[in-house]
Amino acid sequence: MEEQLQRARADHSQELSRLLENQEQELLALRTQLDDTTTLLSIEKAAREREARRAEQAVLQLSLERSAHQKVQRALEVEKASTAAMKARLRTKSTQRVDATASSVDDGHGDTK
């Protein structure tokens, strides 16, 4: 009877030892999984931050390009207006010369043969 009791205790002790070993292995596996997940999260966070900076830079670049385009557009409009004003002045002067020449011909001061 004493032997059976010792055998039962030994079996029970071995079973507890196996359970404890299994739990320790599970704990190590979970810690490894947690470390891997933490590493992946850090990598993903860094990637998101890089993408956010890249997006901010793209927005800034777009803003600068838009500003430069608007500046060129305004300069072009000023140049068009200046050109139109010059053409109008040239037409006015040309018309005044033609009128002056015509009036001098009418007055007899023009070129006669």
Protein backbone atom coordinates (compact mmCIF):
# COMPACT_ATOMS: atom_id res chain seq x y z
CA MET A 1 0.00 0.00 0.00
CA GLU A 2 2.86 2.33 0.89
CA GLU A 3 4.47 1.54 -2.46
CA GLN A 4 1.32 2.38 -4.34
CA LEU A 5 1.06 5.67 -2.52
CA GLN A 6 4.68 6.55 -3.38
CA ARG A 7 4.11 5.50 -6.99
CA ALA A 8 0.98 7.65 -7.16
CA ARG A 9 2.91 10.60 -5.72
CA ALA A 10 5.72 10.08 -8.23
CA ASP A 11 3.23 9.84 -11.11
CA HIS A 12 1.47 12.95 -9.87
CA SER A 13 4.80 14.76 -9.51
CA GLN A 14 5.81 13.77 -13.05
CA GLU A 15 2.44 14.92 -14.40
CA LEU A 16 2.80 18.27 -12.63
CA SER A 17 6.35 18.56 -13.97
CA ARG A 18 5.14 17.89 -17.55
CA LEU A 19 2.33 20.43 -17.14
CA LEU A 20 4.75 23.01 -15.78
CA GLU A 21 7.18 22.37 -18.65
CA ASN A 22 4.36 22.69 -21.19
CA GLN A 23 3.26 25.96 -19.60
CA GLU A 24 6.82 27.29 -19.68
CA GLN A 25 7.12 26.37 -23.37
CA GLU A 26 3.79 28.05 -24.07
CA LEU A 27 4.94 31.13 -22.17
CA LEU A 28 8.19 31.27 -24.17
CA ALA A 29 6.26 30.87 -27.43
CA LEU A 30 3.88 33.68 -26.42
CA ARG A 31 6.78 35.94 -25.45
CA THR A 32 8.44 35.27 -28.79
CA GLN A 33 5.17 36.00 -30.58
CA LEU A 34 4.78 39.20 -28.56
CA ASP A 35 8.32 40.29 -29.42
CA ASP A 36 7.71 39.56 -33.11
CA THR A 37 4.43 41.48 -33.04
CA THR A 38 6.06 44.42 -31.26
CA THR A 39 8.84 44.47 -33.87
CA LEU A 40 6.30 44.38 -36.71
CA LEU A 41 4.30 47.18 -35.13
CA SER A 42 7.43 49.29 -34.82
CA ILE A 43 8.27 48.65 -38.48
CA GLU A 44 4.73 49.53 -39.57
CA LYS A 45 4.74 52.68 -37.43
CA ALA A 46 8.03 53.81 -38.96
CA ALA A 47 6.65 53.10 -42.45
CA ARG A 48 3.49 55.13 -41.69
CA GLU A 49 5.60 58.01 -40.40
CA ARG A 50 7.76 57.91 -43.55
CA GLU A 51 4.64 57.90 -45.72
CA ALA A 52 3.17 60.79 -43.73
CA ARG A 53 6.38 62.82 -44.22
CA ARG A 54 6.41 61.92 -47.91
CA ALA A 55 2.77 63.03 -48.23
CA GLU A 56 3.53 66.31 -46.43
CA GLN A 57 6.47 66.90 -48.76
CA ALA A 58 4.28 66.16 -51.78
CA VAL A 59 1.63 68.61 -50.55
CA LEU A 60 4.32 71.25 -49.97
CA GLN A 61 5.84 70.62 -53.40
CA LEU A 62 2.41 70.85 -55.01
CA SER A 63 1.75 74.11 -53.19
CA LEU A 64 5.07 75.54 -54.36
CA GLU A 65 4.41 74.44 -57.93
CA ARG A 66 0.91 75.90 -57.82
CA SER A 67 2.29 79.18 -56.50
CA ALA A 68 4.93 79.29 -59.23
CA HIS A 69 2.30 78.50 -61.86
CA GLN A 70 0.07 81.30 -60.58
CA LYS A 71 3.02 83.70 -60.63
CA VAL A 72 3.82 82.77 -64.23
CA GLN A 73 0.13 83.04 -65.12
CA ARG A 74 -0.07 86.56 -63.66
CA ALA A 75 3.13 87.58 -65.48
CA LEU A 76 1.68 86.21 -68.72
CA GLU A 77 -1.54 88.18 -68.21
CA VAL A 78 0.44 91.36 -67.53
CA GLU A 79 2.52 90.71 -70.67
CA LYS A 80 -0.63 90.14 -72.73
CA ALA A 81 -2.16 93.36 -71.42
CA SER A 82 1.06 95.26 -72.10
CA THR A 83 1.25 93.86 -75.63
CA ALA A 84 -2.38 94.75 -76.30
CA ALA A 85 -1.80 98.30 -75.00
CA MET A 86 1.29 98.68 -77.22
CA LYS A 87 -0.60 97.45 -80.27
CA ALA A 88 -3.39 99.90 -79.53
CA ARG A 89 -0.89 102.77 -79.22
CA LEU A 90 0.79 101.72 -82.48
CA ARG A 91 -2.56 101.60 -84.24
CA THR A 92 -3.43 105.04 -82.86
CA LYS A 93 -0.10 106.52 -83.99
CA SER A 94 -0.38 104.81 -87.36
CA THR A 95 -3.92 106.13 -87.78
CA GLN A 96 -2.75 109.63 -86.76
CA ARG A 97 0.06 109.51 -89.37
CA VAL A 98 -2.30 108.31 -92.06
CA ASP A 99 -4.74 111.06 -91.14
CA ALA A 100 -1.93 113.65 -91.06
CA THR A 101 -0.65 112.49 -94.45
CA ALA A 102 -4.14 112.51 -95.90
CA SER A 103 -4.86 115.99 -94.57
CA SER A 104 -1.57 117.35 -95.94
CA VAL A 105 -2.37 115.85 -99.34
CA ASP A 106 -5.79 117.47 -99.17
CA ASP A 107 -4.21 120.82 -98.27
CA GLY A 108 -1.93 120.63 -101.28
CA HIS A 109 1.21 120.18 -99.27
CA GLY A 110 1.51 116.57 -100.22
CA ASP A 111 3.59 114.99 -102.89
CA THR A 112 2.56 116.42 -106.29
CA LYS A 113 3.88 115.42 -109.70
